[in-house]
N, C-alpha and C. Protein backbone atom coordinates (compact mmCIF):
# COMPACT_ATOMS: atom_id res chain seq x y z
N MET A 1 -26.36 17.14 76.47
CA MET A 1 -25.87 16.52 77.65
C MET A 1 -26.19 16.95 79.13
N LYS A 2 -26.47 16.38 79.79
CA LYS A 2 -27.36 16.68 81.15
C LYS A 2 -26.15 16.98 82.19
N VAL A 3 -25.99 18.11 82.87
CA VAL A 3 -25.24 18.41 84.05
C VAL A 3 -25.97 18.08 85.28
N ARG A 4 -25.12 17.36 85.87
CA ARG A 4 -25.47 17.09 87.53
C ARG A 4 -24.68 18.02 88.40
N LEU A 5 -25.46 18.66 89.02
CA LEU A 5 -24.81 19.22 90.00
C LEU A 5 -24.83 18.56 91.55
N LEU A 6 -23.74 18.54 92.11
CA LEU A 6 -23.65 17.86 93.37
C LEU A 6 -24.01 19.30 94.29
N PRO A 7 -24.29 18.58 95.65
CA PRO A 7 -24.55 19.74 96.56
C PRO A 7 -23.42 20.42 97.48
N HIS A 8 -23.23 21.41 97.46
CA HIS A 8 -22.17 22.09 98.29
C HIS A 8 -22.57 22.35 99.87
N TYR A 9 -21.65 21.52 100.62
CA TYR A 9 -21.79 21.83 101.97
C TYR A 9 -21.23 22.68 102.52
N THR A 10 -21.18 23.26 103.78
CA THR A 10 -20.17 24.30 104.40
C THR A 10 -20.15 23.85 105.67
N ILE A 11 -19.37 24.15 106.52
CA ILE A 11 -18.96 23.85 108.31
C ILE A 11 -20.26 23.92 109.07
N GLU A 12 -21.08 24.58 108.49
CA GLU A 12 -22.42 24.79 109.34
C GLU A 12 -23.16 23.48 109.10
N ASP A 13 -23.31 23.12 107.86
CA ASP A 13 -23.87 22.00 107.77
C ASP A 13 -22.87 20.70 108.34
N TRP A 14 -22.03 20.42 108.19
CA TRP A 14 -20.82 19.55 108.81
C TRP A 14 -21.23 19.64 110.44
N GLU A 15 -21.45 20.75 111.05
CA GLU A 15 -21.49 20.64 112.39
C GLU A 15 -22.65 20.03 113.04
N ARG A 16 -23.87 19.97 112.01
CA ARG A 16 -25.08 19.01 112.53
C ARG A 16 -25.12 17.56 112.26
N TRP A 17 -23.76 17.24 111.42
CA TRP A 17 -23.85 15.70 111.03
C TRP A 17 -23.50 14.69 112.33
N GLU A 18 -24.06 13.72 112.19
CA GLU A 18 -24.02 12.80 113.24
C GLU A 18 -22.61 11.95 112.59
N GLY A 19 -22.14 11.43 113.43
CA GLY A 19 -20.81 10.32 112.88
C GLY A 19 -19.55 11.26 112.80
N ARG A 20 -18.45 10.80 112.08
CA ARG A 20 -17.36 11.37 111.58
C ARG A 20 -17.43 11.49 110.45
N TRP A 21 -17.04 12.92 109.53
CA TRP A 21 -17.28 13.35 108.49
C TRP A 21 -15.86 14.38 108.15
N GLU A 22 -15.30 14.46 107.16
CA GLU A 22 -14.19 15.06 106.44
C GLU A 22 -15.21 16.06 105.23
N LEU A 23 -14.83 17.07 105.16
CA LEU A 23 -15.38 17.99 104.28
C LEU A 23 -14.60 18.58 103.50
N ILE A 24 -14.37 18.21 101.98
CA ILE A 24 -13.58 18.93 101.35
C ILE A 24 -14.13 19.98 100.03
N GLU A 25 -13.72 20.90 100.01
CA GLU A 25 -14.29 21.80 99.23
C GLU A 25 -16.08 21.55 99.06
N GLY A 26 -16.41 21.36 99.93
CA GLY A 26 -17.96 21.43 100.05
C GLY A 26 -18.57 19.99 100.03
N ILE A 27 -17.54 18.79 99.66
CA ILE A 27 -18.12 17.53 99.74
C ILE A 27 -17.97 16.60 100.69
N PRO A 28 -18.94 16.20 101.24
CA PRO A 28 -18.78 15.14 102.37
C PRO A 28 -18.15 13.98 102.27
N TYR A 29 -16.95 13.43 103.12
CA TYR A 29 -16.39 12.13 103.15
C TYR A 29 -16.64 11.26 104.44
N ALA A 30 -17.57 10.15 104.52
CA ALA A 30 -17.49 9.77 105.74
C ALA A 30 -16.27 9.25 106.23
N MET A 31 -16.32 9.08 107.39
CA MET A 31 -15.28 8.69 108.03
C MET A 31 -15.21 6.99 108.94
N SER A 32 -16.11 6.52 108.16
CA SER A 32 -16.66 5.17 108.45
C SER A 32 -16.48 3.80 107.56
N PRO A 33 -16.15 2.69 107.66
CA PRO A 33 -16.08 2.56 109.20
C PRO A 33 -14.76 2.75 109.73
N MET A 34 -14.57 2.35 110.91
CA MET A 34 -13.55 2.80 112.02
C MET A 34 -12.23 2.06 111.10
N PRO A 35 -11.23 2.77 111.30
CA PRO A 35 -9.97 1.87 110.68
C PRO A 35 -9.56 0.59 111.46
N THR A 36 -8.59 -0.22 110.32
CA THR A 36 -8.73 -1.49 111.30
C THR A 36 -7.44 -1.24 112.08
N PRO A 37 -7.50 -2.74 113.39
CA PRO A 37 -6.92 -2.53 114.09
C PRO A 37 -5.47 -2.14 113.85
N LYS A 38 -4.80 -2.77 112.89
CA LYS A 38 -3.42 -2.50 112.35
C LYS A 38 -3.09 -1.12 112.40
N HIS A 39 -4.09 -0.11 111.30
CA HIS A 39 -4.12 0.99 111.22
C HIS A 39 -4.21 1.89 112.67
N GLN A 40 -4.99 1.51 113.71
CA GLN A 40 -5.06 2.32 114.92
C GLN A 40 -3.89 2.08 115.72
N ARG A 41 -3.19 0.58 115.88
CA ARG A 41 -1.89 0.38 116.36
C ARG A 41 -1.00 1.30 115.84
N VAL A 42 -0.75 1.42 114.44
CA VAL A 42 0.26 2.31 113.99
C VAL A 42 0.23 3.70 114.48
N SER A 43 -1.08 4.07 114.62
CA SER A 43 -1.29 5.59 114.66
C SER A 43 -0.97 6.04 116.51
N LEU A 44 -1.27 4.87 117.04
CA LEU A 44 -1.12 4.71 118.52
C LEU A 44 0.63 5.11 118.66
N LEU A 45 1.13 4.04 117.99
CA LEU A 45 2.63 4.32 118.22
C LEU A 45 3.37 5.47 117.71
N ILE A 46 2.88 5.87 116.67
CA ILE A 46 3.20 7.00 116.35
C ILE A 46 3.30 8.16 117.30
N GLY A 47 1.67 8.27 117.72
CA GLY A 47 1.39 9.19 118.59
C GLY A 47 2.39 9.02 120.03
N SER A 48 2.85 7.82 120.12
CA SER A 48 3.88 7.52 121.68
C SER A 48 5.00 8.33 121.40
N LEU A 49 5.87 7.72 120.28
CA LEU A 49 6.88 8.19 119.65
C LEU A 49 7.00 9.73 119.56
N LEU A 50 6.05 10.21 119.27
CA LEU A 50 6.00 11.94 119.03
C LEU A 50 5.83 12.49 120.59
N GLU A 51 5.14 11.79 121.26
CA GLU A 51 5.02 12.43 122.95
C GLU A 51 6.34 12.08 123.59
N ASP A 52 7.24 11.25 123.39
CA ASP A 52 8.16 11.00 123.75
C ASP A 52 9.15 12.20 123.33
N GLU A 53 9.31 12.55 122.02
CA GLU A 53 10.21 13.34 121.51
C GLU A 53 9.94 14.66 121.72
N LEU A 54 8.57 14.87 122.09
CA LEU A 54 8.45 16.47 122.06
C LEU A 54 8.04 16.44 123.47
N GLU A 55 8.40 16.05 124.46
CA GLU A 55 8.31 15.91 126.11
C GLU A 55 8.95 17.42 126.43
N GLY A 56 10.19 17.69 125.93
CA GLY A 56 10.87 18.99 126.56
C GLY A 56 10.38 20.08 125.80
N CYS A 57 9.62 20.11 124.62
CA CYS A 57 9.22 21.13 124.38
C CYS A 57 8.13 21.95 124.43
N GLU A 58 8.10 23.10 125.04
CA GLU A 58 6.97 23.87 125.81
C GLU A 58 5.96 24.05 124.53
N ARG A 59 6.29 24.20 123.33
CA ARG A 59 5.52 24.99 122.24
C ARG A 59 4.88 23.75 121.13
N CYS A 60 5.30 22.82 121.20
CA CYS A 60 4.94 21.76 120.31
C CYS A 60 4.46 20.62 120.92
N ILE A 61 3.29 19.83 120.49
CA ILE A 61 2.58 18.94 120.84
C ILE A 61 2.02 17.96 119.68
N SER A 62 1.91 16.89 120.16
CA SER A 62 1.22 16.04 119.14
C SER A 62 -0.25 15.82 119.44
N LEU A 63 -0.87 15.25 118.28
CA LEU A 63 -2.31 15.25 118.69
C LEU A 63 -2.63 14.21 117.41
N ILE A 64 -4.08 13.32 118.06
CA ILE A 64 -4.49 12.26 117.07
C ILE A 64 -5.87 13.07 116.55
N SER A 65 -6.11 12.73 115.44
CA SER A 65 -7.73 12.83 114.83
C SER A 65 -8.40 13.87 115.62
N VAL A 66 -7.53 15.16 115.31
CA VAL A 66 -8.37 16.48 115.66
C VAL A 66 -9.20 17.10 114.27
N ASP A 67 -10.39 17.67 114.60
CA ASP A 67 -10.92 18.45 113.38
C ASP A 67 -9.93 19.54 113.20
N TRP A 68 -9.42 19.80 111.52
CA TRP A 68 -8.76 21.07 111.32
C TRP A 68 -9.61 21.97 110.53
N VAL A 69 -10.12 22.90 110.84
CA VAL A 69 -10.88 23.62 110.05
C VAL A 69 -10.15 24.65 109.38
N ILE A 70 -10.22 24.47 107.81
CA ILE A 70 -9.53 25.07 106.60
C ILE A 70 -10.02 26.10 106.33
N SER A 71 -11.41 25.97 106.04
CA SER A 71 -12.16 27.26 105.26
C SER A 71 -13.49 26.87 105.68
N GLU A 72 -14.70 27.70 105.41
CA GLU A 72 -16.01 27.32 105.36
C GLU A 72 -16.56 25.99 104.53
N ASP A 73 -15.72 25.27 103.80
CA ASP A 73 -16.20 24.34 103.35
C ASP A 73 -15.30 23.19 102.97
N THR A 74 -14.01 23.31 104.05
CA THR A 74 -13.09 22.27 104.35
C THR A 74 -12.82 21.99 105.57
N VAL A 75 -13.03 20.72 106.10
CA VAL A 75 -12.66 20.07 107.72
C VAL A 75 -11.80 19.31 107.32
N LEU A 76 -10.79 18.67 107.73
CA LEU A 76 -9.86 17.38 107.58
C LEU A 76 -9.65 17.05 109.33
N GLU A 77 -9.52 15.70 109.08
CA GLU A 77 -9.29 14.82 110.36
C GLU A 77 -7.71 14.12 110.21
N PRO A 78 -6.76 14.58 110.24
CA PRO A 78 -5.48 14.14 110.09
C PRO A 78 -5.39 12.78 111.28
N ASP A 79 -4.80 11.78 110.64
CA ASP A 79 -4.56 10.61 111.69
C ASP A 79 -3.55 10.96 112.84
N ASN A 80 -2.31 11.87 112.57
CA ASN A 80 -1.49 12.17 113.81
C ASN A 80 -1.12 13.45 113.36
N LEU A 81 -0.61 14.13 114.15
CA LEU A 81 0.07 15.69 113.59
C LEU A 81 0.65 16.43 114.78
N ILE A 82 1.67 17.37 114.41
CA ILE A 82 2.41 17.92 115.46
C ILE A 82 1.80 19.43 115.27
N VAL A 83 1.36 19.99 116.29
CA VAL A 83 0.92 21.52 116.23
C VAL A 83 2.16 22.10 117.18
N CYS A 84 2.43 23.56 116.70
CA CYS A 84 3.30 24.15 117.60
C CYS A 84 2.58 25.84 117.56
N SER A 85 2.76 26.31 118.58
CA SER A 85 2.24 27.64 118.94
C SER A 85 2.84 28.49 120.26
N GLU A 86 3.01 29.54 120.32
CA GLU A 86 3.64 30.46 121.18
C GLU A 86 2.78 30.25 122.27
N ASP A 87 1.67 30.07 122.14
CA ASP A 87 0.53 30.06 123.30
C ASP A 87 -0.50 28.76 123.14
N LEU A 88 -0.29 27.65 123.48
CA LEU A 88 -1.10 26.40 122.94
C LEU A 88 -2.51 26.74 124.07
N GLU A 89 -2.42 27.20 125.09
CA GLU A 89 -3.93 27.53 125.62
C GLU A 89 -4.95 27.94 124.96
N ARG A 90 -3.96 29.47 124.54
CA ARG A 90 -5.06 30.55 123.71
C ARG A 90 -5.54 29.71 122.30
N ASP A 91 -4.49 29.14 121.76
CA ASP A 91 -4.49 28.93 120.44
C ASP A 91 -4.87 27.56 120.19
N LEU A 92 -5.15 26.88 121.19
CA LEU A 92 -5.76 25.11 120.93
C LEU A 92 -6.34 24.68 121.74
N PHE A 93 -6.04 24.61 122.84
CA PHE A 93 -6.66 23.96 123.99
C PHE A 93 -7.88 24.77 124.71
N SER A 94 -8.23 26.00 124.17
CA SER A 94 -9.57 26.62 124.44
C SER A 94 -10.64 26.78 123.44
N LYS A 95 -10.25 25.95 122.14
CA LYS A 95 -11.07 26.00 121.29
C LYS A 95 -11.34 24.57 120.84
N LYS A 96 -12.60 24.27 120.27
CA LYS A 96 -13.05 22.87 119.84
C LYS A 96 -12.47 22.31 118.64
N LYS A 97 -11.94 23.14 117.85
CA LYS A 97 -11.40 22.52 116.75
C LYS A 97 -10.17 23.44 116.54
N LEU A 98 -8.75 22.55 115.56
CA LEU A 98 -7.97 23.37 115.09
C LEU A 98 -8.35 24.22 114.22
N GLU A 99 -7.54 25.57 113.99
CA GLU A 99 -8.06 26.63 113.21
C GLU A 99 -6.83 27.06 112.36
N PHE A 100 -5.60 26.40 112.54
CA PHE A 100 -4.42 26.84 111.83
C PHE A 100 -3.76 25.66 111.37
N PRO A 101 -2.91 25.88 110.40
CA PRO A 101 -2.14 24.43 110.15
C PRO A 101 -1.26 23.85 111.07
N PRO A 102 -1.25 22.59 111.24
CA PRO A 102 -0.16 22.23 111.88
C PRO A 102 1.39 22.11 111.00
N LEU A 103 2.53 21.56 111.96
CA LEU A 103 3.70 21.86 110.94
C LEU A 103 3.83 20.41 110.50
N VAL A 104 3.04 19.40 111.08
CA VAL A 104 3.45 17.87 110.55
C VAL A 104 1.93 16.97 110.60
N VAL A 105 1.90 16.70 109.54
CA VAL A 105 0.76 15.69 109.50
C VAL A 105 1.23 14.38 109.09
N PHE A 106 0.48 13.27 109.70
CA PHE A 106 0.69 11.72 109.45
C PHE A 106 -0.74 11.36 108.76
N GLU A 107 -0.66 10.48 107.77
CA GLU A 107 -1.94 10.19 107.19
C GLU A 107 -1.52 8.57 106.92
N ILE A 108 -2.18 7.68 107.75
CA ILE A 108 -1.79 6.24 107.50
C ILE A 108 -2.92 5.59 106.29
N LEU A 109 -2.34 5.26 105.54
CA LEU A 109 -2.98 4.86 104.22
C LEU A 109 -3.79 3.49 104.34
N SER A 110 -5.06 3.73 103.79
CA SER A 110 -5.82 2.32 103.99
C SER A 110 -6.53 2.03 102.49
N PRO A 111 -6.93 1.30 102.13
CA PRO A 111 -7.49 1.10 100.73
C PRO A 111 -8.74 2.00 100.56
N PRO A 112 -9.52 2.43 101.41
CA PRO A 112 -10.61 3.17 101.04
C PRO A 112 -10.06 4.91 100.96
N THR A 113 -9.05 5.16 101.64
CA THR A 113 -8.50 6.25 101.61
C THR A 113 -7.39 6.74 100.80
N ARG A 114 -6.58 5.70 100.40
CA ARG A 114 -5.32 5.80 99.58
C ARG A 114 -5.26 6.88 98.79
N GLU A 115 -6.31 6.84 98.08
CA GLU A 115 -6.11 8.08 96.81
C GLU A 115 -6.54 9.24 97.22
N LYS A 116 -7.54 9.77 98.11
CA LYS A 116 -7.80 10.91 98.73
C LYS A 116 -6.61 11.52 99.61
N ASP A 117 -5.81 10.45 100.28
CA ASP A 117 -4.53 10.93 101.12
C ASP A 117 -3.41 11.42 100.15
N ARG A 118 -3.17 10.59 98.87
CA ARG A 118 -2.09 10.83 98.11
C ARG A 118 -2.29 11.84 97.29
N ILE A 119 -3.48 12.38 96.69
CA ILE A 119 -3.94 13.12 95.90
C ILE A 119 -4.42 14.41 96.52
N THR A 120 -5.63 14.12 96.92
CA THR A 120 -6.52 15.41 97.36
C THR A 120 -6.06 15.94 98.83
N LYS A 121 -5.60 15.26 99.48
CA LYS A 121 -5.05 15.63 100.93
C LYS A 121 -3.46 16.49 100.59
N PHE A 122 -2.87 15.53 100.12
CA PHE A 122 -1.56 15.95 99.71
C PHE A 122 -1.49 17.42 98.90
N GLN A 123 -2.27 17.60 98.29
CA GLN A 123 -2.42 18.90 97.48
C GLN A 123 -2.93 20.17 98.60
N ILE A 124 -4.04 19.82 99.30
CA ILE A 124 -4.43 20.73 100.44
C ILE A 124 -3.46 20.85 101.37
N TYR A 125 -2.61 19.69 101.85
CA TYR A 125 -1.63 20.12 102.94
C TYR A 125 -0.70 21.07 102.33
N GLU A 126 -0.22 20.74 100.84
CA GLU A 126 0.73 21.74 100.39
C GLU A 126 0.46 23.33 100.62
N GLU A 127 -0.91 23.19 99.83
CA GLU A 127 -1.42 24.76 99.94
C GLU A 127 -1.52 25.35 101.43
N GLN A 128 -1.84 24.71 102.10
CA GLN A 128 -2.00 25.10 103.60
C GLN A 128 -0.65 25.38 104.09
N GLY A 129 0.68 25.00 103.46
CA GLY A 129 1.84 25.11 104.21
C GLY A 129 2.38 24.28 105.35
N VAL A 130 1.76 23.01 105.30
CA VAL A 130 2.03 21.95 106.44
C VAL A 130 3.64 21.82 105.92
N LYS A 131 4.64 21.66 106.77
CA LYS A 131 5.85 21.77 106.51
C LYS A 131 6.17 20.12 106.19
N TYR A 132 5.65 19.20 106.83
CA TYR A 132 5.87 17.82 106.66
C TYR A 132 4.82 17.10 106.32
N TYR A 133 4.52 16.35 105.23
CA TYR A 133 3.46 15.33 105.01
C TYR A 133 4.07 14.04 105.24
N VAL A 134 3.70 13.14 105.98
CA VAL A 134 4.10 11.88 106.19
C VAL A 134 3.12 10.77 105.47
N MET A 135 3.19 10.07 104.91
CA MET A 135 2.45 9.05 104.44
C MET A 135 3.12 7.59 104.89
N VAL A 136 2.09 6.96 105.57
CA VAL A 136 2.58 5.65 106.63
C VAL A 136 1.71 4.31 105.69
N ASP A 137 2.30 3.65 105.35
CA ASP A 137 1.37 2.38 104.63
C ASP A 137 1.30 1.14 105.41
N PRO A 138 0.88 0.79 106.33
CA PRO A 138 0.69 -0.40 107.13
C PRO A 138 0.73 -1.82 106.27
N GLU A 139 0.53 -1.64 104.91
CA GLU A 139 0.35 -3.15 104.27
C GLU A 139 1.73 -3.28 103.97
N SER A 140 2.42 -2.23 103.40
CA SER A 140 3.75 -2.37 102.92
C SER A 140 4.54 -2.25 103.71
N GLU A 141 4.32 -1.46 104.96
CA GLU A 141 5.48 -1.25 106.00
C GLU A 141 6.37 0.10 105.22
N GLU A 142 5.68 1.01 104.46
CA GLU A 142 6.40 1.78 103.94
C GLU A 142 6.18 3.24 104.62
N VAL A 143 7.22 4.11 104.57
CA VAL A 143 6.61 5.33 105.05
C VAL A 143 7.51 6.61 103.81
N GLU A 144 6.75 7.48 103.64
CA GLU A 144 7.09 8.59 102.77
C GLU A 144 6.97 9.93 103.36
N VAL A 145 8.13 10.81 103.42
CA VAL A 145 8.27 11.88 104.23
C VAL A 145 8.46 13.14 103.18
N TYR A 146 7.34 13.96 102.91
CA TYR A 146 7.37 15.23 102.07
C TYR A 146 7.59 16.46 102.85
N GLN A 147 8.39 17.28 102.57
CA GLN A 147 9.07 18.31 103.09
C GLN A 147 8.56 19.61 102.12
N LEU A 148 7.97 20.35 102.95
CA LEU A 148 7.50 21.89 101.96
C LEU A 148 8.88 22.68 101.59
N LYS A 149 9.19 22.80 100.25
CA LYS A 149 10.17 23.72 99.78
C LYS A 149 9.95 24.59 98.95
N ASP A 150 9.95 25.75 99.28
CA ASP A 150 9.54 26.81 97.88
C ASP A 150 8.03 26.67 97.62
N GLY A 151 7.10 26.25 98.52
CA GLY A 151 5.77 25.93 98.46
C GLY A 151 5.22 24.72 97.70
N LYS A 152 6.09 24.00 97.42
CA LYS A 152 5.98 22.69 96.95
C LYS A 152 6.68 21.49 97.95
N TYR A 153 6.00 20.24 97.73
CA TYR A 153 6.40 19.23 98.50
C TYR A 153 7.43 18.46 97.43
N GLU A 154 8.40 18.15 98.59
CA GLU A 154 9.67 17.48 97.98
C GLU A 154 9.88 15.97 98.53
N LEU A 155 9.85 14.92 98.42
CA LEU A 155 10.38 13.54 98.93
C LEU A 155 11.79 14.09 99.58
N ALA A 156 11.50 14.03 100.88
CA ALA A 156 12.65 14.07 101.71
C ALA A 156 13.19 12.71 102.26
N SER A 157 12.27 11.74 102.29
CA SER A 157 12.80 10.49 102.64
C SER A 157 11.63 9.38 102.32
N LYS A 158 12.31 8.13 102.05
CA LYS A 158 11.37 6.99 101.82
C LYS A 158 11.94 5.83 102.48
N PHE A 159 11.43 5.03 102.96
CA PHE A 159 12.12 3.83 103.67
C PHE A 159 10.63 2.97 103.63
N GLN A 160 11.44 1.42 103.79
CA GLN A 160 10.33 0.48 104.19
C GLN A 160 11.11 -0.40 105.18
N ARG A 161 10.08 -0.46 106.41
CA ARG A 161 10.15 -1.02 107.54
C ARG A 161 11.29 -0.50 108.39
N GLU A 162 12.32 0.03 107.99
CA GLU A 162 13.22 1.02 109.09
C GLU A 162 13.67 1.90 108.62
N GLY A 163 14.00 3.20 109.13
CA GLY A 163 14.27 4.27 108.95
C GLY A 163 14.08 5.44 110.03
N GLU A 164 14.79 6.26 109.97
CA GLU A 164 14.69 7.44 111.01
C GLU A 164 14.62 8.94 110.24
N PHE A 165 13.87 9.89 110.86
CA PHE A 165 13.69 11.03 110.40
C PHE A 165 13.81 11.92 111.43
N THR A 166 14.22 13.34 110.99
CA THR A 166 14.34 13.95 112.04
C THR A 166 13.42 15.34 111.89
N PHE A 167 12.48 16.08 112.32
CA PHE A 167 11.39 16.60 111.66
C PHE A 167 12.12 18.26 112.54
N ASP A 168 12.42 19.18 111.66
CA ASP A 168 12.82 20.53 112.40
C ASP A 168 11.56 21.50 112.49
N LEU A 169 11.09 21.71 113.44
CA LEU A 169 10.04 22.06 114.05
C LEU A 169 10.45 23.68 114.56
N GLY A 170 11.48 24.41 114.22
CA GLY A 170 12.01 25.46 114.53
C GLY A 170 12.51 25.60 115.90
N VAL A 171 11.39 25.35 117.07
CA VAL A 171 11.98 25.77 118.03
C VAL A 171 12.44 24.50 118.91
N CYS A 172 12.05 23.39 117.96
CA CYS A 172 12.73 21.82 118.81
C CYS A 172 12.75 20.99 117.41
N ARG A 173 13.15 19.83 117.74
CA ARG A 173 13.06 18.56 116.56
C ARG A 173 12.61 17.31 117.26
N ALA A 174 12.06 16.69 116.43
CA ALA A 174 11.69 15.23 116.59
C ALA A 174 12.26 14.39 115.68
N LYS A 175 12.67 13.49 116.23
CA LYS A 175 13.57 12.44 115.51
C LYS A 175 12.69 10.99 115.83
N LEU A 176 12.37 10.42 114.61
CA LEU A 176 11.33 9.48 114.91
C LEU A 176 12.17 8.08 114.19
N ASN A 177 12.04 7.04 115.08
CA ASN A 177 12.75 5.73 114.66
C ASN A 177 11.43 4.99 113.81
N PHE A 178 11.18 5.15 112.65
CA PHE A 178 9.78 4.22 112.23
C PHE A 178 9.89 3.02 112.18
N SER A 179 11.16 2.38 112.37
CA SER A 179 10.99 0.89 112.67
C SER A 179 10.43 0.18 113.97
N LYS A 180 10.06 1.30 114.87
CA LYS A 180 9.10 1.22 116.05
C LYS A 180 7.98 1.09 115.94
N ILE A 181 7.31 1.51 114.62
CA ILE A 181 6.13 1.55 114.62
C ILE A 181 5.39 0.22 113.94
N TRP A 182 6.32 -0.83 113.75
CA TRP A 182 5.68 -1.96 112.84
C TRP A 182 5.95 -3.05 114.13
N ARG A 183 6.12 -3.08 115.17
CA ARG A 183 6.24 -4.19 116.03
C ARG A 183 5.21 -4.66 116.32
């Protein structure tokens, strides 16, 4: 039997590539074509809701599609996220990439990424200690919120079309009415 070895890439390789790529344990994943208009609209509305909810919190902010460097061979680009820090300027704004785990990650499912989001990224986010992982399905208009408890994700809430969830971020809270992302 013949064994075929795949190349193993690092962040140094990734930094030289053109276009948008995620790197998971040394394996590159193209982030193209661009997401559908519905995917982008849902992401925009999630970002808008998060901005409104986090307006009074000086330590937490929402971001969209930022490179999160996890290790020398893993870089992910979550769709939406919440990042909290005592010093956002030092820990985030003075850098080109996110270098620590966000508290909340949102992935908007699409046919080409569904399996990666549900299995691979689920495991990585769990291992990295992301407190909440939210999978949003624009086709079925379902939302699944997973919360980290004792190092493992548990389904905290699941709803279709309508539902609210409050994210406890420690220093503040963000309550999202998910029915507003389907308008």
